[in-house]
Amino acid sequence: MPFQSPFVALRQVIGAPGDVDLKVAKLYNMLPADETGTCEGRTPAANAAVRTVFVIGPDKKIKLQLSYPMTTGRNFDEVLRVLDSLQLTAKHQVATPANWKQGDDVIITGVVSNEEADKTFPGYKTVKPYLRTTTQPK
């Protein structure tokens, strides 16, 4: 599924796609650094540590890590929700609340003064002195 995104999602099953020598898996500590061999011939049991979804930002830092047991499938709706949130919060001074979905209200971060919020987020709501919400910026 192609994204136009600065974020890269690596879905791990048996190593990263194209990571035949396991360099990426070792770099992000999905496998021990001293693990030998390549992805060829590895069993699912040998790759249990790689059952993790990583979202890596444009700054090459891990923004999200979701680990799943071998018996549980991944929730791709959640992965896409997180990517949407990361893109939104990287562009605007907002945070997304629990269970947020595209189009829902967002939280104005604490670094934004009320004066700045008046200009940037006109019509925002003050729920508590430390909690201000607004419609999702475009």
Protein backbone atom coordinates (compact mmCIF):
# COMPACT_ATOMS: atom_id res chain seq x y z
CA MET A 1 0.00 0.00 0.00
CA PRO A 2 1.84 3.17 -1.13
CA PHE A 3 1.88 6.27 1.08
CA GLN A 4 3.00 9.77 0.26
CA SER A 5 4.61 10.10 3.67
CA PRO A 6 7.87 11.08 5.31
CA PHE A 7 7.32 8.14 7.64
CA VAL A 8 8.39 4.62 6.79
CA ALA A 9 6.59 1.62 8.23
CA LEU A 10 8.51 -1.64 8.36
CA ARG A 11 6.29 -4.68 8.73
CA GLN A 12 8.27 -7.59 10.02
CA VAL A 13 7.37 -11.21 9.40
CA ILE A 14 10.60 -12.97 8.47
CA GLY A 15 12.99 -10.04 8.32
CA ALA A 16 12.39 -6.74 6.58
CA PRO A 17 11.53 -6.97 2.89
CA GLY A 18 14.85 -6.94 1.08
CA ASP A 19 16.80 -7.46 4.33
CA VAL A 20 18.22 -10.84 3.32
CA ASP A 21 21.37 -10.40 5.41
CA LEU A 22 19.31 -9.24 8.45
CA LYS A 23 21.20 -5.91 8.76
CA VAL A 24 18.00 -3.88 9.31
CA ALA A 25 16.63 -6.44 11.79
CA LYS A 26 19.87 -6.24 13.78
CA LEU A 27 20.19 -2.46 13.49
CA TYR A 28 16.80 -1.97 15.18
CA ASN A 29 17.41 -4.75 17.71
CA MET A 30 14.77 -7.05 16.26
CA LEU A 31 17.33 -9.84 16.36
CA PRO A 32 20.52 -10.19 18.41
CA ALA A 33 23.52 -8.49 16.78
CA ASP A 34 25.44 -11.77 16.83
CA GLU A 35 22.70 -13.67 14.93
CA THR A 36 24.34 -15.46 12.04
CA GLY A 37 23.15 -16.28 8.54
CA THR A 38 20.58 -14.72 6.30
CA CYS A 39 16.79 -14.80 6.12
CA GLU A 40 16.96 -17.93 3.95
CA GLY A 41 15.76 -21.05 5.74
CA ARG A 42 14.73 -19.24 8.92
CA THR A 43 11.61 -20.59 10.60
CA PRO A 44 8.81 -18.49 12.16
CA ALA A 45 10.06 -19.61 15.59
CA ALA A 46 13.52 -18.24 14.79
CA ASN A 47 11.95 -14.93 13.86
CA ALA A 48 9.64 -14.53 16.86
CA ALA A 49 11.60 -11.45 17.93
CA VAL A 50 10.84 -9.85 14.57
CA ARG A 51 7.04 -9.90 15.01
CA THR A 52 7.08 -6.16 15.53
CA VAL A 53 5.80 -3.22 13.51
CA PHE A 54 8.16 -0.25 13.55
CA VAL A 55 7.35 3.24 12.34
CA ILE A 56 10.54 5.16 11.64
CA GLY A 57 10.40 8.92 11.13
CA PRO A 58 12.29 11.00 8.60
CA ASP A 59 14.83 11.71 11.36
CA LYS A 60 15.61 7.94 11.37
CA LYS A 61 14.24 7.58 14.92
CA ILE A 62 11.70 4.98 15.93
CA LYS A 63 8.36 6.72 16.51
CA LEU A 64 6.31 3.59 17.24
CA GLN A 65 6.94 -0.02 18.02
CA LEU A 66 4.06 -2.54 18.24
CA SER A 67 4.92 -6.12 19.17
CA TYR A 68 2.52 -8.95 18.53
CA PRO A 69 2.66 -12.57 19.68
CA MET A 70 3.06 -15.21 16.99
CA THR A 71 -0.60 -16.19 17.42
CA THR A 72 -2.05 -12.70 16.89
CA GLY A 73 -2.45 -10.87 13.60
CA ARG A 74 -1.57 -7.22 13.29
CA ASN A 75 -4.14 -4.43 13.40
CA PHE A 76 -3.41 -2.45 10.24
CA ASP A 77 -6.21 0.03 10.96
CA GLU A 78 -4.23 0.99 14.09
CA VAL A 79 -0.97 1.25 12.14
CA LEU A 80 -2.62 3.57 9.59
CA ARG A 81 -4.26 5.60 12.41
CA VAL A 82 -0.84 6.10 14.02
CA LEU A 83 0.71 7.14 10.69
CA ASP A 84 -2.09 9.71 10.22
CA SER A 85 -1.51 11.01 13.76
CA LEU A 86 2.27 11.23 13.34
CA GLN A 87 1.93 13.13 10.08
CA LEU A 88 -0.63 15.53 11.57
CA THR A 89 1.31 16.19 14.78
CA ALA A 90 4.59 16.68 12.89
CA LYS A 91 2.96 19.44 10.82
CA HIS A 92 0.81 21.17 13.48
CA GLN A 93 1.23 21.88 17.21
CA VAL A 94 -1.47 19.41 18.20
CA ALA A 95 -1.76 16.01 19.84
CA THR A 96 -4.28 13.29 19.14
CA PRO A 97 -6.31 11.82 22.01
CA ALA A 98 -6.95 8.14 22.65
CA ASN A 99 -9.06 6.50 19.93
CA TRP A 100 -8.64 9.53 17.65
CA LYS A 101 -9.58 9.04 14.00
CA GLN A 102 -9.14 11.28 10.94
CA GLY A 103 -11.46 14.27 11.24
CA ASP A 104 -11.92 14.07 15.03
CA ASP A 105 -11.05 17.01 17.28
CA VAL A 106 -7.44 17.28 18.44
CA ILE A 107 -5.68 18.72 21.48
CA ILE A 108 -3.66 21.92 21.22
CA THR A 109 -0.23 21.26 22.75
CA GLY A 110 0.85 23.05 25.91
CA VAL A 111 3.63 24.95 24.13
CA VAL A 112 1.00 27.03 22.30
CA SER A 113 0.00 30.14 24.28
CA ASN A 114 -3.65 31.19 24.41
CA GLU A 115 -2.76 34.24 22.29
CA GLU A 116 -1.13 32.05 19.65
CA ALA A 117 -4.04 29.58 19.83
CA ASP A 118 -6.50 32.45 19.19
CA LYS A 119 -4.68 33.17 15.91
CA THR A 120 -3.82 29.62 14.84
CA PHE A 121 -6.91 27.76 16.05
CA PRO A 122 -9.78 30.30 16.10
CA GLY A 123 -12.83 29.01 17.97
CA TYR A 124 -10.90 26.44 20.01
CA LYS A 125 -12.53 25.15 23.22
CA THR A 126 -10.97 25.32 26.68
CA VAL A 127 -11.99 22.14 28.51
CA LYS A 128 -9.61 22.75 31.42
CA PRO A 129 -6.89 25.41 31.76
CA TYR A 130 -4.38 22.82 30.54
CA LEU A 131 -6.67 21.14 27.95
CA ARG A 132 -7.74 22.95 24.78
CA THR A 133 -9.36 21.22 21.81
CA THR A 134 -9.91 22.27 18.24
CA THR A 135 -11.06 20.86 14.94
CA GLN A 136 -8.40 18.90 13.08
CA PRO A 137 -6.19 21.26 11.04
CA LYS A 138 -6.05 20.67 7.28
